[in-house]
Amino acid sequence: MLSEKIKQIGGTLALRLTLYYAGIFTLSSVAALLLIYLMTSAHLQESLDEDLRDDVEEFAILLAEGDREPLWDELRGEARFEEPEDFFFRLFSAEGEVILTSDLAPWAGLEDAQTVVDRIDSSAGIFLKTIVPPDHEYGARVVYARLAPTLYLEMGESLEQNADLLELIVEIFARTMILILLLAALSGWFMARRALKGVEEVTHTALRISKGELGRRIPMKSRGTEIERLARTFNYMLDRIHSLITGIQEVTDNIAHDLRSPVTRIRGTAETTLLQGKELKDKPVSAVLK
């Protein structure tokens, strides 16, 4: 019994419309959430890039004052403030000699100094790059710049915080999708039932008419142009059928009335003949009907 009921529901137009609505609603939500994710990711990287450029400009200003010690102090302060796995820097001379570095233990596998110097010389100015050293889960966003004709900087910040924030967004989206799917199914079912309510009224009226209520008609309500056209057409069809049935009844009544007198005469003559024992073999029919 239950399986039969489920089978009937599975074949209904309401269920199919519900699935369509839910599918469209879910896809739209996924697209919106994906757009938010991409925009957030781009904004985080843009913000980090801006911070790195600002730091390079600040370092260049300190170096322009003529003494390198304030720059050394600033870089050491940055290194002390950050965890070694979250921040690193290297200062090189024009010959590729390492002048000053932070703790590079978590950043094994960085490019050699001369390669970095050559890359900076070949660039037009400051440039940024994302690197993922071996055995480092998140990687870093690195800025490369020449602070002075003979002083080169490589400085990077870990992308762990950005990755954690994006993972949190994905987790929230995943939980939200459950509510979105439930809301999509409920709203889809409501919209489908509301859209098909007029069709159900037409079906109910047709069933009542099939049971003999020929005078019943579908009430005209504001249920949408399509349903109103269906109801109007159905009522017009019922009026035509009722008119045809009435015409057939009138024709039948007229035929019955016209045949009543001749049939009565034939019956009377037949009864008289049977009672009197007479035969009508030679008697013409026209004489009988008179």
C-alpha atoms as a PDB file:
ATOM      1  CA  MET A   1       0.000   0.000   0.000  1.00  0.00           C
ATOM      2  CA  LEU A   2       2.771   2.393   0.965  1.00  0.00           C
ATOM      3  CA  SER A   3       4.856   1.462  -2.054  1.00  0.00           C
ATOM      4  CA  GLU A   4       1.867   2.065  -4.317  1.00  0.00           C
ATOM      5  CA  LYS A   5       1.325   5.474  -2.781  1.00  0.00           C
ATOM      6  CA  ILE A   6       5.007   6.360  -3.197  1.00  0.00           C
ATOM      7  CA  LYS A   7       4.821   5.192  -6.808  1.00  0.00           C
ATOM      8  CA  GLN A   8       1.817   7.432  -7.439  1.00  0.00           C
ATOM      9  CA  ILE A   9       3.583  10.448  -5.914  1.00  0.00           C
ATOM     10  CA  GLY A  10       6.710   9.674  -7.935  1.00  0.00           C
ATOM     11  CA  GLY A  11       4.780   9.984 -11.175  1.00  0.00           C
ATOM     12  CA  THR A  12       3.075  13.271 -10.359  1.00  0.00           C
ATOM     13  CA  LEU A  13       3.792  16.519 -12.123  1.00  0.00           C
ATOM     14  CA  ALA A  14       3.982  18.231  -8.738  1.00  0.00           C
ATOM     15  CA  LEU A  15       7.007  16.141  -7.751  1.00  0.00           C
ATOM     16  CA  ARG A  16       8.757  16.810 -11.046  1.00  0.00           C
ATOM     17  CA  LEU A  17       8.139  20.546 -10.727  1.00  0.00           C
ATOM     18  CA  THR A  18       9.432  20.380  -7.158  1.00  0.00           C
ATOM     19  CA  LEU A  19      12.639  18.745  -8.362  1.00  0.00           C
ATOM     20  CA  TYR A  20      13.004  21.367 -11.102  1.00  0.00           C
ATOM     21  CA  TYR A  21      12.500  24.247  -8.655  1.00  0.00           C
ATOM     22  CA  ALA A  22      14.825  22.688  -6.082  1.00  0.00           C
ATOM     23  CA  GLY A  23      17.484  22.003  -8.710  1.00  0.00           C
ATOM     24  CA  ILE A  24      17.411  25.540 -10.094  1.00  0.00           C
ATOM     25  CA  PHE A  25      17.373  27.063  -6.600  1.00  0.00           C
ATOM     26  CA  THR A  26      20.278  24.874  -5.465  1.00  0.00           C
ATOM     27  CA  LEU A  27      22.388  25.568  -8.560  1.00  0.00           C
ATOM     28  CA  SER A  28      21.781  29.287  -8.192  1.00  0.00           C
ATOM     29  CA  SER A  29      22.809  29.132  -4.533  1.00  0.00           C
ATOM     30  CA  VAL A  30      25.939  27.133  -5.327  1.00  0.00           C
ATOM     31  CA  ALA A  31      26.881  29.633  -8.027  1.00  0.00           C
ATOM     32  CA  ALA A  32      26.372  32.530  -5.602  1.00  0.00           C
ATOM     33  CA  LEU A  33      28.407  30.831  -2.867  1.00  0.00           C
ATOM     34  CA  LEU A  34      31.173  29.979  -5.336  1.00  0.00           C
ATOM     35  CA  LEU A  35      31.282  33.608  -6.462  1.00  0.00           C
ATOM     36  CA  ILE A  36      31.542  34.738  -2.835  1.00  0.00           C
ATOM     37  CA  TYR A  37      34.371  32.249  -2.268  1.00  0.00           C
ATOM     38  CA  LEU A  38      36.322  33.436  -5.306  1.00  0.00           C
ATOM     39  CA  MET A  39      35.794  37.098  -4.459  1.00  0.00           C
ATOM     40  CA  THR A  40      36.900  36.493  -0.866  1.00  0.00           C
ATOM     41  CA  SER A  41      39.992  34.615  -2.016  1.00  0.00           C
ATOM     42  CA  ALA A  42      40.911  37.380  -4.455  1.00  0.00           C
ATOM     43  CA  HIS A  43      40.344  40.062  -1.811  1.00  0.00           C
ATOM     44  CA  LEU A  44      42.538  38.255   0.736  1.00  0.00           C
ATOM     45  CA  GLN A  45      45.401  37.945  -1.735  1.00  0.00           C
ATOM     46  CA  GLU A  46      45.001  41.559  -2.851  1.00  0.00           C
ATOM     47  CA  SER A  47      45.063  42.720   0.765  1.00  0.00           C
ATOM     48  CA  LEU A  48      48.185  40.657   1.508  1.00  0.00           C
ATOM     49  CA  ASP A  49      49.908  41.981  -1.618  1.00  0.00           C
ATOM     50  CA  GLU A  50      49.112  45.524  -0.588  1.00  0.00           C
ATOM     51  CA  ASP A  51      50.595  44.924   2.893  1.00  0.00           C
ATOM     52  CA  LEU A  52      53.796  43.512   1.391  1.00  0.00           C
ATOM     53  CA  ARG A  53      54.171  46.451  -0.983  1.00  0.00           C
ATOM     54  CA  ASP A  54      53.617  48.883   1.894  1.00  0.00           C
ATOM     55  CA  ASP A  55      56.331  47.135   3.892  1.00  0.00           C
ATOM     56  CA  VAL A  56      58.765  47.410   0.965  1.00  0.00           C
ATOM     57  CA  GLU A  57      58.023  51.131   0.608  1.00  0.00           C
ATOM     58  CA  GLU A  58      58.543  51.598   4.352  1.00  0.00           C
ATOM     59  CA  PHE A  59      61.866  49.746   4.177  1.00  0.00           C
ATOM     60  CA  ALA A  60      62.972  51.863   1.216  1.00  0.00           C
ATOM     61  CA  ILE A  61      62.182  55.042   3.176  1.00  0.00           C
ATOM     62  CA  LEU A  62      64.212  53.813   6.144  1.00  0.00           C
ATOM     63  CA  LEU A  63      67.112  52.957   3.868  1.00  0.00           C
ATOM     64  CA  ALA A  64      66.939  56.337   2.138  1.00  0.00           C
ATOM     65  CA  GLU A  65      67.772  58.031   5.410  1.00  0.00           C
ATOM     66  CA  GLY A  66      71.359  56.825   4.900  1.00  0.00           C
ATOM     67  CA  ASP A  67      71.728  54.282   7.702  1.00  0.00           C
ATOM     68  CA  ARG A  68      70.984  50.576   7.329  1.00  0.00           C
ATOM     69  CA  GLU A  69      70.594  49.874  11.033  1.00  0.00           C
ATOM     70  CA  PRO A  70      66.952  51.071  11.238  1.00  0.00           C
ATOM     71  CA  LEU A  71      66.138  48.694   8.385  1.00  0.00           C
ATOM     72  CA  TRP A  72      67.913  45.824  10.153  1.00  0.00           C
ATOM     73  CA  ASP A  73      65.998  46.596  13.356  1.00  0.00           C
ATOM     74  CA  GLU A  74      62.670  46.761  11.505  1.00  0.00           C
ATOM     75  CA  LEU A  75      63.226  43.408   9.805  1.00  0.00           C
ATOM     76  CA  ARG A  76      64.372  41.741  13.019  1.00  0.00           C
ATOM     77  CA  GLY A  77      61.330  43.175  14.780  1.00  0.00           C
ATOM     78  CA  GLU A  78      59.047  41.719  12.102  1.00  0.00           C
ATOM     79  CA  ALA A  79      60.739  38.340  12.499  1.00  0.00           C
ATOM     80  CA  ARG A  80      60.385  38.411  16.312  1.00  0.00           C
ATOM     81  CA  PHE A  81      56.720  39.412  16.083  1.00  0.00           C
ATOM     82  CA  GLU A  82      55.835  36.579  13.675  1.00  0.00           C
ATOM     83  CA  GLU A  83      56.330  32.834  14.044  1.00  0.00           C
ATOM     84  CA  PRO A  84      59.142  31.432  11.841  1.00  0.00           C
ATOM     85  CA  GLU A  85      56.642  29.333   9.862  1.00  0.00           C
ATOM     86  CA  ASP A  86      54.502  32.426   9.205  1.00  0.00           C
ATOM     87  CA  PHE A  87      57.150  34.899   8.040  1.00  0.00           C
ATOM     88  CA  PHE A  88      60.629  34.988   6.526  1.00  0.00           C
ATOM     89  CA  PHE A  89      62.970  37.415   4.815  1.00  0.00           C
ATOM     90  CA  ARG A  90      66.370  37.443   3.171  1.00  0.00           C
ATOM     91  CA  LEU A  91      68.599  40.383   2.241  1.00  0.00           C
ATOM     92  CA  PHE A  92      71.168  39.937  -0.523  1.00  0.00           C
ATOM     93  CA  SER A  93      74.000  41.942  -1.959  1.00  0.00           C
ATOM     94  CA  ALA A  94      74.312  42.514  -5.710  1.00  0.00           C
ATOM     95  CA  GLU A  95      76.806  39.622  -5.831  1.00  0.00           C
ATOM     96  CA  GLY A  96      74.252  37.198  -4.349  1.00  0.00           C
ATOM     97  CA  GLU A  97      75.736  37.216  -0.868  1.00  0.00           C
ATOM     98  CA  VAL A  98      73.256  36.735   2.006  1.00  0.00           C
ATOM     99  CA  ILE A  99      73.472  39.765   4.317  1.00  0.00           C
ATOM    100  CA  LEU A 100      70.636  39.139   6.769  1.00  0.00           C
ATOM    101  CA  THR A 101      67.927  36.482   7.167  1.00  0.00           C
ATOM    102  CA  SER A 102      65.207  35.375   9.526  1.00  0.00           C
ATOM    103  CA  ASP A 103      64.886  31.806  10.828  1.00  0.00           C
ATOM    104  CA  LEU A 104      64.569  29.780   7.621  1.00  0.00           C
ATOM    105  CA  ALA A 105      64.185  26.344   9.235  1.00  0.00           C
ATOM    106  CA  PRO A 106      60.473  26.026   8.198  1.00  0.00           C
ATOM    107  CA  TRP A 107      61.308  27.291   4.703  1.00  0.00           C
ATOM    108  CA  ALA A 108      63.748  24.703   3.418  1.00  0.00           C
ATOM    109  CA  GLY A 109      64.002  24.548  -0.358  1.00  0.00           C
ATOM    110  CA  LEU A 110      64.013  28.266  -1.150  1.00  0.00           C
ATOM    111  CA  GLU A 111      65.825  29.365  -4.293  1.00  0.00           C
ATOM    112  CA  ASP A 112      69.516  30.194  -4.009  1.00  0.00           C
ATOM    113  CA  ALA A 113      70.510  33.808  -3.491  1.00  0.00           C
ATOM    114  CA  GLN A 114      71.990  34.413  -6.941  1.00  0.00           C
ATOM    115  CA  THR A 115      68.832  33.167  -8.670  1.00  0.00           C
ATOM    116  CA  VAL A 116      66.744  35.578  -6.611  1.00  0.00           C
ATOM    117  CA  VAL A 117      69.070  38.485  -7.368  1.00  0.00           C
ATOM    118  CA  ASP A 118      69.023  37.727 -11.097  1.00  0.00           C
ATOM    119  CA  ARG A 119      65.226  37.543 -11.087  1.00  0.00           C
ATOM    120  CA  ILE A 120      64.927  40.895  -9.347  1.00  0.00           C
ATOM    121  CA  ASP A 121      67.394  42.482 -11.795  1.00  0.00           C
ATOM    122  CA  SER A 122      65.399  41.154 -14.746  1.00  0.00           C
ATOM    123  CA  SER A 123      62.121  42.565 -13.403  1.00  0.00           C
ATOM    124  CA  ALA A 124      60.913  46.112 -13.860  1.00  0.00           C
ATOM    125  CA  GLY A 125      60.497  46.659 -10.113  1.00  0.00           C
ATOM    126  CA  ILE A 126      58.643  45.091  -7.249  1.00  0.00           C
ATOM    127  CA  PHE A 127      56.933  41.821  -8.110  1.00  0.00           C
ATOM    128  CA  LEU A 128      55.089  39.199  -6.084  1.00  0.00           C
ATOM    129  CA  LYS A 129      54.883  35.455  -6.387  1.00  0.00           C
ATOM    130  CA  THR A 130      53.248  32.559  -4.549  1.00  0.00           C
ATOM    131  CA  ILE A 131      55.624  29.762  -3.593  1.00  0.00           C
ATOM    132  CA  VAL A 132      55.053  26.393  -1.944  1.00  0.00           C
ATOM    133  CA  PRO A 133      58.367  25.034  -0.615  1.00  0.00           C
ATOM    134  CA  PRO A 134      58.704  21.286   0.030  1.00  0.00           C
ATOM    135  CA  ASP A 135      57.141  20.064   3.291  1.00  0.00           C
ATOM    136  CA  HIS A 136      55.266  23.342   3.677  1.00  0.00           C
ATOM    137  CA  GLU A 137      51.502  22.857   3.687  1.00  0.00           C
ATOM    138  CA  TYR A 138      50.255  26.326   2.824  1.00  0.00           C
ATOM    139  CA  GLY A 139      53.056  28.104   0.995  1.00  0.00           C
ATOM    140  CA  ALA A 140      53.677  31.831   1.095  1.00  0.00           C
ATOM    141  CA  ARG A 141      53.110  35.030  -0.805  1.00  0.00           C
ATOM    142  CA  VAL A 142      56.535  36.501  -1.506  1.00  0.00           C
ATOM    143  CA  VAL A 143      57.581  40.009  -2.533  1.00  0.00           C
ATOM    144  CA  TYR A 144      60.863  40.609  -4.375  1.00  0.00           C
ATOM    145  CA  ALA A 145      62.351  44.084  -4.553  1.00  0.00           C
ATOM    146  CA  ARG A 146      65.589  46.019  -4.927  1.00  0.00           C
ATOM    147  CA  LEU A 147      65.774  48.432  -2.001  1.00  0.00           C
ATOM    148  CA  ALA A 148      69.049  50.005  -3.184  1.00  0.00           C
ATOM    149  CA  PRO A 149      71.422  49.509  -6.102  1.00  0.00           C
ATOM    150  CA  THR A 150      73.294  46.868  -4.097  1.00  0.00           C
ATOM    151  CA  LEU A 151      70.602  45.639  -1.709  1.00  0.00           C
ATOM    152  CA  TYR A 152      67.914  43.074  -2.612  1.00  0.00           C
ATOM    153  CA  LEU A 153      65.007  41.848  -0.517  1.00  0.00           C
ATOM    154  CA  GLU A 154      62.997  38.648  -0.541  1.00  0.00           C
ATOM    155  CA  MET A 155      60.184  38.610   2.034  1.00  0.00           C
ATOM    156  CA  GLY A 156      57.247  36.247   2.396  1.00  0.00           C
ATOM    157  CA  GLU A 157      54.181  35.709   4.567  1.00  0.00           C
ATOM    158  CA  SER A 158      52.498  32.375   5.055  1.00  0.00           C
ATOM    159  CA  LEU A 159      49.123  31.811   3.413  1.00  0.00           C
ATOM    160  CA  GLU A 160      47.927  29.743   6.359  1.00  0.00           C
ATOM    161  CA  GLN A 161      45.590  32.412   7.726  1.00  0.00           C
ATOM    162  CA  ASN A 162      44.029  32.955   4.310  1.00  0.00           C
ATOM    163  CA  ALA A 163      43.662  29.198   3.839  1.00  0.00           C
ATOM    164  CA  ASP A 164      42.070  28.807   7.293  1.00  0.00           C
ATOM    165  CA  LEU A 165      39.573  31.563   6.527  1.00  0.00           C
ATOM    166  CA  LEU A 166      38.693  30.017   3.152  1.00  0.00           C
ATOM    167  CA  GLU A 167      38.316  26.590   4.770  1.00  0.00           C
ATOM    168  CA  LEU A 168      35.965  28.140   7.323  1.00  0.00           C
ATOM    169  CA  ILE A 169      33.932  29.684   4.515  1.00  0.00           C
ATOM    170  CA  VAL A 170      33.735  26.306   2.756  1.00  0.00           C
ATOM    171  CA  GLU A 171      32.617  24.639   5.988  1.00  0.00           C
ATOM    172  CA  ILE A 172      29.923  27.257   6.522  1.00  0.00           C
ATOM    173  CA  PHE A 173      28.821  26.875   2.903  1.00  0.00           C
ATOM    174  CA  ALA A 174      28.634  23.089   3.290  1.00  0.00           C
ATOM    175  CA  ARG A 175      26.405  23.402   6.342  1.00  0.00           C
ATOM    176  CA  THR A 176      24.353  26.102   4.683  1.00  0.00           C
ATOM    177  CA  MET A 177      23.762  23.884   1.651  1.00  0.00           C
ATOM    178  CA  ILE A 178      21.768  21.463   3.828  1.00  0.00           C
ATOM    179  CA  LEU A 179      19.396  24.261   4.790  1.00  0.00           C
ATOM    180  CA  ILE A 180      19.354  25.495   1.202  1.00  0.00           C
ATOM    181  CA  LEU A 181      18.372  22.050  -0.104  1.00  0.00           C
ATOM    182  CA  LEU A 182      15.612  21.747   2.514  1.00  0.00           C
ATOM    183  CA  LEU A 183      14.335  25.255   1.770  1.00  0.00           C
ATOM    184  CA  ALA A 184      14.500  24.581  -1.968  1.00  0.00           C
ATOM    185  CA  ALA A 185      12.482  21.368  -1.622  1.00  0.00           C
ATOM    186  CA  LEU A 186       9.818  22.973   0.583  1.00  0.00           C
ATOM    187  CA  SER A 187       9.477  26.094  -1.534  1.00  0.00           C
ATOM    188  CA  GLY A 188       9.469  24.004  -4.717  1.00  0.00           C
ATOM    189  CA  TRP A 189       6.700  21.765  -3.398  1.00  0.00           C
ATOM    190  CA  PHE A 190       4.671  24.791  -2.277  1.00  0.00           C
ATOM    191  CA  MET A 191       5.061  26.519  -5.647  1.00  0.00           C
ATOM    192  CA  ALA A 192       4.232  23.331  -7.564  1.00  0.00           C
ATOM    193  CA  ARG A 193       1.099  22.648  -5.497  1.00  0.00           C
ATOM    194  CA  ARG A 194       0.016  26.252  -5.862  1.00  0.00           C
ATOM    195  CA  ALA A 195       0.586  26.190  -9.614  1.00  0.00           C
ATOM    196  CA  LEU A 196      -1.372  22.938 -10.026  1.00  0.00           C
ATOM    197  CA  LYS A 197      -4.224  23.857  -7.698  1.00  0.00           C
ATOM    198  CA  GLY A 198      -6.323  25.094 -10.618  1.00  0.00           C
ATOM    199  CA  VAL A 199      -5.743  21.843 -12.521  1.00  0.00           C
ATOM    200  CA  GLU A 200      -6.906  19.881  -9.473  1.00  0.00           C
ATOM    201  CA  GLU A 201     -10.108  21.946  -9.376  1.00  0.00           C
ATOM    202  CA  VAL A 202     -10.713  21.200 -13.054  1.00  0.00           C
ATOM    203  CA  THR A 203     -10.185  17.478 -12.406  1.00  0.00           C
ATOM    204  CA  HIS A 204     -12.492  17.528  -9.361  1.00  0.00           C
ATOM    205  CA  THR A 205     -15.209  19.293 -11.348  1.00  0.00           C
ATOM    206  CA  ALA A 206     -14.871  16.785 -14.196  1.00  0.00           C
ATOM    207  CA  LEU A 207     -15.318  13.899 -11.752  1.00  0.00           C
ATOM    208  CA  ARG A 208     -18.465  15.495 -10.279  1.00  0.00           C
ATOM    209  CA  ILE A 209     -19.869  16.002 -13.757  1.00  0.00           C
ATOM    210  CA  SER A 210     -19.123  12.368 -14.681  1.00  0.00           C
ATOM    211  CA  LYS A 211     -21.297  11.349 -11.710  1.00  0.00           C
ATOM    212  CA  GLY A 212     -24.294  13.202 -13.128  1.00  0.00           C
ATOM    213  CA  GLU A 213     -23.931  16.796 -11.949  1.00  0.00           C
ATOM    214  CA  LEU A 214     -24.158  18.184 -15.473  1.00  0.00           C
ATOM    215  CA  GLY A 215     -24.938  21.710 -14.313  1.00  0.00           C
ATOM    216  CA  ARG A 216     -21.703  22.109 -12.340  1.00  0.00           C
ATOM    217  CA  ARG A 217     -19.072  24.494 -13.687  1.00  0.00           C
ATOM    218  CA  ILE A 218     -15.526  25.483 -12.705  1.00  0.00           C
ATOM    219  CA  PRO A 219     -15.545  28.713 -10.683  1.00  0.00           C
ATOM    220  CA  MET A 220     -13.539  31.503 -12.296  1.00  0.00           C
ATOM    221  CA  LYS A 221     -10.792  32.726  -9.968  1.00  0.00           C
ATOM    222  CA  SER A 222      -7.541  34.616 -10.296  1.00  0.00           C
ATOM    223  CA  ARG A 223      -5.142  31.638 -10.622  1.00  0.00           C
ATOM    224  CA  GLY A 224      -3.026  32.684 -13.554  1.00  0.00           C
ATOM    225  CA  THR A 225      -3.779  33.241 -17.222  1.00  0.00           C
ATOM    226  CA  GLU A 226      -3.136  29.630 -18.248  1.00  0.00           C
ATOM    227  CA  ILE A 227      -5.445  28.127 -15.605  1.00  0.00           C
ATOM    228  CA  GLU A 228      -8.118  30.738 -16.310  1.00  0.00           C
ATOM    229  CA  ARG A 229      -8.004  29.858 -20.027  1.00  0.00           C
ATOM    230  CA  LEU A 230      -8.267  26.164 -19.179  1.00  0.00           C
ATOM    231  CA  ALA A 231     -11.258  26.765 -16.882  1.00  0.00           C
ATOM    232  CA  ARG A 232     -12.963  29.017 -19.436  1.00  0.00           C
ATOM    233  CA  THR A 233     -12.436  26.473 -22.234  1.00  0.00           C
ATOM    234  CA  PHE A 234     -13.654  23.624 -20.043  1.00  0.00           C
ATOM    235  CA  ASN A 235     -16.801  25.537 -19.054  1.00  0.00           C
ATOM    236  CA  TYR A 236     -17.442  26.412 -22.706  1.00  0.00           C
ATOM    237  CA  MET A 237     -17.089  22.744 -23.650  1.00  0.00           C
ATOM    238  CA  LEU A 238     -19.543  21.774 -20.917  1.00  0.00           C
ATOM    239  CA  ASP A 239     -22.038  24.393 -22.131  1.00  0.00           C
ATOM    240  CA  ARG A 240     -21.760  23.025 -25.678  1.00  0.00           C
ATOM    241  CA  ILE A 241     -22.234  19.452 -24.484  1.00  0.00           C
ATOM    242  CA  HIS A 242     -25.206  20.480 -22.373  1.00  0.00           C
ATOM    243  CA  SER A 243     -26.689  22.315 -25.371  1.00  0.00           C
ATOM    244  CA  LEU A 244     -26.234  19.272 -27.615  1.00  0.00           C
ATOM    245  CA  ILE A 245     -27.771  16.946 -25.034  1.00  0.00           C
ATOM    246  CA  THR A 246     -30.726  19.301 -24.647  1.00  0.00           C
ATOM    247  CA  GLY A 247     -31.170  19.384 -28.434  1.00  0.00           C
ATOM    248  CA  ILE A 248     -31.058  15.587 -28.654  1.00  0.00           C
ATOM    249  CA  GLN A 249     -33.648  15.324 -25.881  1.00  0.00           C
ATOM    250  CA  GLU A 250     -35.934  17.743 -27.705  1.00  0.00           C
ATOM    251  CA  VAL A 251     -35.575  15.802 -30.978  1.00  0.00           C
ATOM    252  CA  THR A 252     -36.242  12.545 -29.155  1.00  0.00           C
ATOM    253  CA  ASP A 253     -39.335  14.005 -27.485  1.00  0.00           C
ATOM    254  CA  ASN A 254     -40.661  15.262 -30.863  1.00  0.00           C
ATOM    255  CA  ILE A 255     -40.088  11.882 -32.508  1.00  0.00           C
ATOM    256  CA  ALA A 256     -41.796  10.128 -29.623  1.00  0.00           C
ATOM    257  CA  HIS A 257     -44.714  12.540 -29.845  1.00  0.00           C
ATOM    258  CA  ASP A 258     -45.065  12.094 -33.625  1.00  0.00           C
ATOM    259  CA  LEU A 259     -44.979   8.305 -33.365  1.00  0.00           C
ATOM    260  CA  ARG A 260     -47.373   8.104 -30.456  1.00  0.00           C
ATOM    261  CA  SER A 261     -50.644   8.318 -32.474  1.00  0.00           C
ATOM    262  CA  PRO A 262     -49.701   5.857 -35.293  1.00  0.00           C
ATOM    263  CA  VAL A 263     -48.331   3.362 -32.813  1.00  0.00           C
ATOM    264  CA  THR A 264     -51.476   3.668 -30.707  1.00  0.00           C
ATOM    265  CA  ARG A 265     -53.645   3.005 -33.774  1.00  0.00           C
ATOM    266  CA  ILE A 266     -51.559   0.019 -34.829  1.00  0.00           C
ATOM    267  CA  ARG A 267     -51.752  -1.377 -31.350  1.00  0.00           C
ATOM    268  CA  GLY A 268     -55.520  -0.787 -31.184  1.00  0.00           C
ATOM    269  CA  THR A 269     -56.068  -2.445 -34.555  1.00  0.00           C
ATOM    270  CA  ALA A 270     -53.875  -5.374 -33.582  1.00  0.00           C
ATOM    271  CA  GLU A 271     -55.739  -5.850 -30.320  1.00  0.00           C
ATOM    272  CA  THR A 272     -59.115  -5.593 -32.118  1.00  0.00           C
ATOM    273  CA  THR A 273     -58.024  -8.118 -34.708  1.00  0.00           C
ATOM    274  CA  LEU A 274     -56.847 -10.528 -32.085  1.00  0.00           C
ATOM    275  CA  LEU A 275     -60.107 -10.184 -30.178  1.00  0.00           C
ATOM    276  CA  GLN A 276     -62.316 -10.578 -33.243  1.00  0.00           C
ATOM    277  CA  GLY A 277     -60.167 -13.227 -34.909  1.00  0.00           C
ATOM    278  CA  LYS A 278     -59.892 -11.204 -38.058  1.00  0.00           C
ATOM    279  CA  GLU A 279     -56.857 -11.117 -40.336  1.00  0.00           C
ATOM    280  CA  LEU A 280     -55.345  -8.072 -41.923  1.00  0.00           C
ATOM    281  CA  LYS A 281     -53.577  -9.863 -44.700  1.00  0.00           C
ATOM    282  CA  ASP A 282     -55.287  -7.984 -47.543  1.00  0.00           C
ATOM    283  CA  LYS A 283     -55.780  -4.742 -45.678  1.00  0.00           C
ATOM    284  CA  PRO A 284     -53.356  -2.004 -46.737  1.00  0.00           C
ATOM    285  CA  VAL A 285     -51.203  -0.315 -44.074  1.00  0.00           C
ATOM    286  CA  SER A 286     -52.506   3.108 -45.048  1.00  0.00           C
ATOM    287  CA  ALA A 287     -55.983   2.017 -44.150  1.00  0.00           C
ATOM    288  CA  VAL A 288     -54.780   0.846 -40.753  1.00  0.00           C
ATOM    289  CA  LEU A 289     -53.051   4.077 -39.931  1.00  0.00           C
ATOM    290  CA  LYS A 290     -56.132   6.201 -40.692  1.00  0.00           C
END
